[in-house]
Amino acid sequence: MPVWALAEELPDPVAAGWQGETVCEILREDAELRIFRCTFPPGVGHERHFHPRHFGYALSGGTMRITSDAGTREVTLKTGSYFFNEGIAWHEGLNIGDTTVSYLMIEPK
């Protein structure tokens, strides 16, 4: 399914939260980029959402359980690791570790 197919039905990562609480905050947004930080203490997750194309950087690493249309998997990122993705139709996550996980996300417009 194309990334944008669910865009009208699901929140983007900034709008998605966890049990009514905000987990991401916009640091800068302009005509070219949106930059935000998402923080997940142990036991806190990110409700189902979609992602447009983005670059991510682990400010503080840890282990997340990620569920998407491909199934459920555990992902461990070390502090300082990074990733790029062309977009995600949907996923949701939960910090299953014992440390706070924090990502810096950059979305080109």
N, C-alpha and C. Protein backbone atom coordinates (compact mmCIF):
# COMPACT_ATOMS: atom_id res chain seq x y z
N MET A 1 0.84 -1.17 0.00
CA MET A 1 0.00 0.00 0.00
C MET A 1 0.89 1.24 0.00
N PRO A 2 0.61 2.21 -0.84
CA PRO A 2 1.42 3.43 -0.87
C PRO A 2 1.36 4.16 0.47
N VAL A 3 2.45 4.83 0.80
CA VAL A 3 2.52 5.55 2.06
C VAL A 3 1.37 6.52 2.22
N TRP A 4 1.02 7.22 1.17
CA TRP A 4 0.01 8.27 1.28
C TRP A 4 -1.41 7.72 1.29
N ALA A 5 -1.59 6.43 1.04
CA ALA A 5 -2.94 5.87 1.00
C ALA A 5 -3.65 6.00 2.34
N LEU A 6 -2.92 5.89 3.43
CA LEU A 6 -3.52 5.99 4.76
C LEU A 6 -3.37 7.37 5.38
N ALA A 7 -2.71 8.28 4.68
CA ALA A 7 -2.40 9.58 5.26
C ALA A 7 -3.63 10.33 5.74
N GLU A 8 -4.76 10.15 5.07
CA GLU A 8 -5.96 10.86 5.49
C GLU A 8 -6.62 10.20 6.70
N GLU A 9 -6.29 8.95 6.98
CA GLU A 9 -6.91 8.21 8.07
C GLU A 9 -6.07 8.18 9.34
N LEU A 10 -4.75 8.26 9.20
CA LEU A 10 -3.85 8.15 10.35
C LEU A 10 -3.16 9.48 10.63
N PRO A 11 -2.80 9.72 11.89
CA PRO A 11 -2.04 10.93 12.20
C PRO A 11 -0.59 10.81 11.73
N ASP A 12 0.05 11.95 11.52
CA ASP A 12 1.49 11.93 11.26
C ASP A 12 2.20 11.72 12.60
N PRO A 13 3.53 11.55 12.61
CA PRO A 13 4.21 11.21 13.85
C PRO A 13 4.12 12.29 14.94
N VAL A 14 4.01 13.56 14.56
CA VAL A 14 3.91 14.61 15.58
C VAL A 14 2.52 14.60 16.21
N ALA A 15 1.50 14.38 15.42
CA ALA A 15 0.12 14.37 15.94
C ALA A 15 -0.18 13.12 16.75
N ALA A 16 0.46 12.00 16.41
CA ALA A 16 0.24 10.76 17.17
C ALA A 16 0.90 10.90 18.54
N GLY A 17 0.31 10.33 19.51
CA GLY A 17 0.86 10.39 20.86
C GLY A 17 0.83 9.03 21.51
N TRP A 18 0.67 9.01 22.82
CA TRP A 18 0.58 7.77 23.58
C TRP A 18 -0.40 7.98 24.73
N GLN A 19 -1.52 7.31 24.66
CA GLN A 19 -2.55 7.38 25.69
C GLN A 19 -2.90 8.83 26.06
N GLY A 20 -3.08 9.64 25.02
CA GLY A 20 -3.48 11.03 25.20
C GLY A 20 -2.35 12.00 25.50
N GLU A 21 -1.14 11.52 25.60
CA GLU A 21 0.01 12.38 25.89
C GLU A 21 0.86 12.60 24.64
N THR A 22 1.46 13.76 24.53
CA THR A 22 2.34 14.10 23.42
C THR A 22 3.70 13.43 23.62
N VAL A 23 4.25 12.83 22.57
CA VAL A 23 5.59 12.23 22.65
C VAL A 23 6.58 12.91 21.71
N CYS A 24 6.09 13.72 20.77
CA CYS A 24 6.96 14.41 19.82
C CYS A 24 6.73 15.91 19.89
N GLU A 25 7.80 16.68 19.72
CA GLU A 25 7.68 18.13 19.69
C GLU A 25 8.42 18.68 18.49
N ILE A 26 7.80 19.64 17.82
CA ILE A 26 8.43 20.28 16.66
C ILE A 26 9.49 21.24 17.17
N LEU A 27 10.70 21.11 16.62
CA LEU A 27 11.80 22.00 16.96
C LEU A 27 11.94 23.12 15.95
N ARG A 28 11.62 22.81 14.69
CA ARG A 28 11.68 23.81 13.62
C ARG A 28 10.83 23.31 12.46
N GLU A 29 10.13 24.24 11.84
CA GLU A 29 9.38 23.91 10.63
C GLU A 29 9.38 25.13 9.73
N ASP A 30 9.73 24.89 8.46
CA ASP A 30 9.69 25.95 7.47
C ASP A 30 9.25 25.34 6.14
N ALA A 31 9.43 26.06 5.07
CA ALA A 31 8.96 25.60 3.76
C ALA A 31 9.75 24.40 3.24
N GLU A 32 10.94 24.15 3.79
CA GLU A 32 11.80 23.07 3.29
C GLU A 32 11.87 21.85 4.19
N LEU A 33 11.79 22.06 5.51
CA LEU A 33 12.00 20.96 6.46
C LEU A 33 11.05 21.05 7.64
N ARG A 34 10.81 19.88 8.23
CA ARG A 34 10.18 19.83 9.55
C ARG A 34 11.12 18.98 10.41
N ILE A 35 11.53 19.52 11.54
CA ILE A 35 12.45 18.84 12.45
C ILE A 35 11.74 18.68 13.79
N PHE A 36 11.73 17.45 14.29
CA PHE A 36 11.07 17.21 15.57
C PHE A 36 11.80 16.14 16.35
N ARG A 37 11.54 16.15 17.66
CA ARG A 37 12.14 15.17 18.57
C ARG A 37 11.02 14.37 19.20
N CYS A 38 11.20 13.04 19.24
CA CYS A 38 10.25 12.15 19.90
C CYS A 38 10.97 11.46 21.05
N THR A 39 10.32 11.41 22.21
CA THR A 39 10.95 10.86 23.41
C THR A 39 10.02 9.82 24.03
N PHE A 40 10.59 8.65 24.32
CA PHE A 40 9.83 7.52 24.84
C PHE A 40 10.49 6.94 26.09
N PRO A 41 10.03 7.33 27.28
CA PRO A 41 10.52 6.68 28.49
C PRO A 41 10.13 5.19 28.47
N PRO A 42 10.74 4.37 29.32
CA PRO A 42 10.36 2.96 29.36
C PRO A 42 8.85 2.79 29.54
N GLY A 43 8.28 1.89 28.75
CA GLY A 43 6.85 1.61 28.83
C GLY A 43 5.97 2.55 28.04
N VAL A 44 6.56 3.57 27.44
CA VAL A 44 5.80 4.54 26.64
C VAL A 44 5.99 4.22 25.17
N GLY A 45 4.95 4.40 24.39
CA GLY A 45 5.01 4.08 22.97
C GLY A 45 4.55 5.23 22.10
N HIS A 46 4.25 4.87 20.88
CA HIS A 46 3.80 5.82 19.85
C HIS A 46 2.66 5.14 19.12
N GLU A 47 1.47 5.71 19.24
CA GLU A 47 0.30 5.09 18.62
C GLU A 47 0.43 5.08 17.10
N ARG A 48 -0.36 4.25 16.47
CA ARG A 48 -0.30 4.03 15.02
C ARG A 48 -0.32 5.36 14.26
N HIS A 49 0.63 5.50 13.32
CA HIS A 49 0.77 6.71 12.53
C HIS A 49 1.49 6.39 11.23
N PHE A 50 1.52 7.34 10.32
CA PHE A 50 2.27 7.18 9.07
C PHE A 50 3.46 8.13 9.08
N HIS A 51 4.41 7.87 8.19
CA HIS A 51 5.57 8.75 8.02
C HIS A 51 5.75 9.08 6.55
N PRO A 52 5.93 10.34 6.22
CA PRO A 52 6.44 10.66 4.89
C PRO A 52 7.95 10.37 4.89
N ARG A 53 8.61 10.67 3.81
CA ARG A 53 10.06 10.46 3.71
C ARG A 53 10.74 11.18 4.88
N HIS A 54 11.73 10.51 5.50
CA HIS A 54 12.37 11.10 6.67
C HIS A 54 13.75 10.51 6.95
N PHE A 55 14.52 11.28 7.69
CA PHE A 55 15.82 10.87 8.22
C PHE A 55 15.68 10.87 9.73
N GLY A 56 16.21 9.85 10.39
CA GLY A 56 16.14 9.78 11.84
C GLY A 56 17.51 9.58 12.45
N TYR A 57 17.71 10.14 13.63
CA TYR A 57 18.96 10.04 14.36
C TYR A 57 18.63 9.73 15.82
N ALA A 58 19.26 8.70 16.37
CA ALA A 58 19.00 8.29 17.76
C ALA A 58 19.80 9.18 18.72
N LEU A 59 19.11 10.09 19.39
CA LEU A 59 19.75 10.94 20.40
C LEU A 59 20.10 10.11 21.63
N SER A 60 19.23 9.18 21.97
CA SER A 60 19.49 8.20 23.03
C SER A 60 18.84 6.90 22.61
N GLY A 61 19.65 5.89 22.46
CA GLY A 61 19.19 4.62 21.92
C GLY A 61 18.46 3.76 22.93
N GLY A 62 17.99 2.63 22.43
CA GLY A 62 17.27 1.69 23.27
C GLY A 62 16.55 0.68 22.41
N THR A 63 15.62 -0.05 23.02
CA THR A 63 14.91 -1.12 22.32
C THR A 63 13.43 -0.80 22.23
N MET A 64 12.92 -0.83 21.01
CA MET A 64 11.51 -0.58 20.75
C MET A 64 10.90 -1.83 20.11
N ARG A 65 9.64 -2.10 20.43
CA ARG A 65 8.87 -3.12 19.73
C ARG A 65 8.05 -2.37 18.69
N ILE A 66 8.29 -2.68 17.43
CA ILE A 66 7.64 -2.00 16.31
C ILE A 66 6.67 -2.96 15.63
N THR A 67 5.44 -2.51 15.43
CA THR A 67 4.44 -3.28 14.70
C THR A 67 4.04 -2.50 13.47
N SER A 68 4.01 -3.19 12.32
CA SER A 68 3.60 -2.59 11.05
C SER A 68 2.89 -3.66 10.23
N ASP A 69 2.58 -3.33 8.98
CA ASP A 69 1.94 -4.33 8.12
C ASP A 69 2.87 -5.51 7.84
N ALA A 70 4.15 -5.37 8.13
CA ALA A 70 5.12 -6.46 7.94
C ALA A 70 5.22 -7.37 9.17
N GLY A 71 4.52 -7.03 10.25
CA GLY A 71 4.58 -7.84 11.46
C GLY A 71 5.14 -7.06 12.63
N THR A 72 5.53 -7.79 13.68
CA THR A 72 6.08 -7.17 14.89
C THR A 72 7.53 -7.61 15.05
N ARG A 73 8.37 -6.65 15.40
CA ARG A 73 9.80 -6.96 15.59
C ARG A 73 10.36 -6.06 16.68
N GLU A 74 11.46 -6.49 17.27
CA GLU A 74 12.18 -5.67 18.23
C GLU A 74 13.35 -5.01 17.51
N VAL A 75 13.50 -3.72 17.72
CA VAL A 75 14.56 -2.95 17.08
C VAL A 75 15.39 -2.28 18.17
N THR A 76 16.69 -2.52 18.15
CA THR A 76 17.59 -1.86 19.09
C THR A 76 18.50 -0.93 18.31
N LEU A 77 18.43 0.35 18.64
CA LEU A 77 19.29 1.35 18.02
C LEU A 77 20.23 1.91 19.07
N LYS A 78 21.49 2.04 18.70
CA LYS A 78 22.47 2.63 19.60
C LYS A 78 22.43 4.14 19.47
N THR A 79 22.75 4.82 20.54
CA THR A 79 22.87 6.27 20.49
C THR A 79 23.83 6.65 19.36
N GLY A 80 23.42 7.60 18.53
CA GLY A 80 24.24 8.04 17.41
C GLY A 80 23.97 7.32 16.12
N SER A 81 23.17 6.27 16.15
CA SER A 81 22.84 5.58 14.90
C SER A 81 21.79 6.39 14.15
N TYR A 82 21.67 6.13 12.86
CA TYR A 82 20.74 6.90 12.04
C TYR A 82 20.12 6.01 10.98
N PHE A 83 19.06 6.52 10.37
CA PHE A 83 18.37 5.77 9.33
C PHE A 83 17.66 6.73 8.40
N PHE A 84 17.36 6.26 7.20
CA PHE A 84 16.58 7.03 6.22
C PHE A 84 15.49 6.12 5.71
N ASN A 85 14.32 6.68 5.48
CA ASN A 85 13.21 5.90 4.97
C ASN A 85 12.42 6.73 3.98
N GLU A 86 11.99 6.11 2.90
CA GLU A 86 11.20 6.80 1.88
C GLU A 86 9.76 7.03 2.31
N GLY A 87 9.37 6.45 3.42
CA GLY A 87 8.02 6.62 3.93
C GLY A 87 7.50 5.31 4.49
N ILE A 88 6.57 5.40 5.42
CA ILE A 88 5.99 4.23 6.08
C ILE A 88 4.48 4.40 6.05
N ALA A 89 3.78 3.41 5.51
CA ALA A 89 2.31 3.48 5.43
C ALA A 89 1.70 3.55 6.83
N TRP A 90 2.21 2.74 7.75
CA TRP A 90 1.80 2.81 9.15
C TRP A 90 2.73 1.98 10.01
N HIS A 91 2.89 2.39 11.24
CA HIS A 91 3.52 1.58 12.27
C HIS A 91 3.18 2.17 13.63
N GLU A 92 3.49 1.39 14.66
CA GLU A 92 3.33 1.84 16.04
C GLU A 92 4.45 1.22 16.84
N GLY A 93 4.82 1.84 17.94
CA GLY A 93 5.96 1.34 18.69
C GLY A 93 5.75 1.44 20.19
N LEU A 94 6.57 0.68 20.92
CA LEU A 94 6.55 0.68 22.37
C LEU A 94 7.98 0.49 22.87
N ASN A 95 8.41 1.35 23.79
CA ASN A 95 9.73 1.21 24.40
C ASN A 95 9.66 0.05 25.39
N ILE A 96 10.33 -1.06 25.05
CA ILE A 96 10.31 -2.24 25.91
C ILE A 96 11.60 -2.36 26.72
N GLY A 97 12.48 -1.37 26.60
CA GLY A 97 13.73 -1.39 27.34
C GLY A 97 13.61 -0.68 28.68
N ASP A 98 14.77 -0.46 29.30
CA ASP A 98 14.77 0.20 30.61
C ASP A 98 15.43 1.57 30.57
N THR A 99 15.64 2.11 29.36
CA THR A 99 16.19 3.45 29.19
C THR A 99 15.26 4.27 28.30
N THR A 100 15.32 5.58 28.43
CA THR A 100 14.53 6.47 27.59
C THR A 100 15.12 6.51 26.19
N VAL A 101 14.27 6.34 25.19
CA VAL A 101 14.66 6.40 23.78
C VAL A 101 14.24 7.75 23.23
N SER A 102 15.13 8.41 22.49
CA SER A 102 14.82 9.70 21.91
C SER A 102 15.39 9.77 20.50
N TYR A 103 14.55 10.22 19.56
CA TYR A 103 14.95 10.35 18.16
C TYR A 103 14.80 11.79 17.71
N LEU A 104 15.70 12.22 16.85
CA LEU A 104 15.55 13.46 16.10
C LEU A 104 15.11 13.06 14.71
N MET A 105 14.03 13.62 14.24
CA MET A 105 13.50 13.27 12.92
C MET A 105 13.51 14.51 12.03
N ILE A 106 13.90 14.32 10.78
CA ILE A 106 13.93 15.41 9.80
C ILE A 106 13.16 14.96 8.58
N GLU A 107 12.13 15.73 8.23
CA GLU A 107 11.31 15.44 7.06
C GLU A 107 11.49 16.56 6.03
N PRO A 108 12.03 16.23 4.85
CA PRO A 108 12.06 17.24 3.79
C PRO A 108 10.65 17.43 3.25
N LYS A 109 10.35 18.64 2.82
CA LYS A 109 9.02 18.91 2.26
C LYS A 109 9.08 18.93 0.75
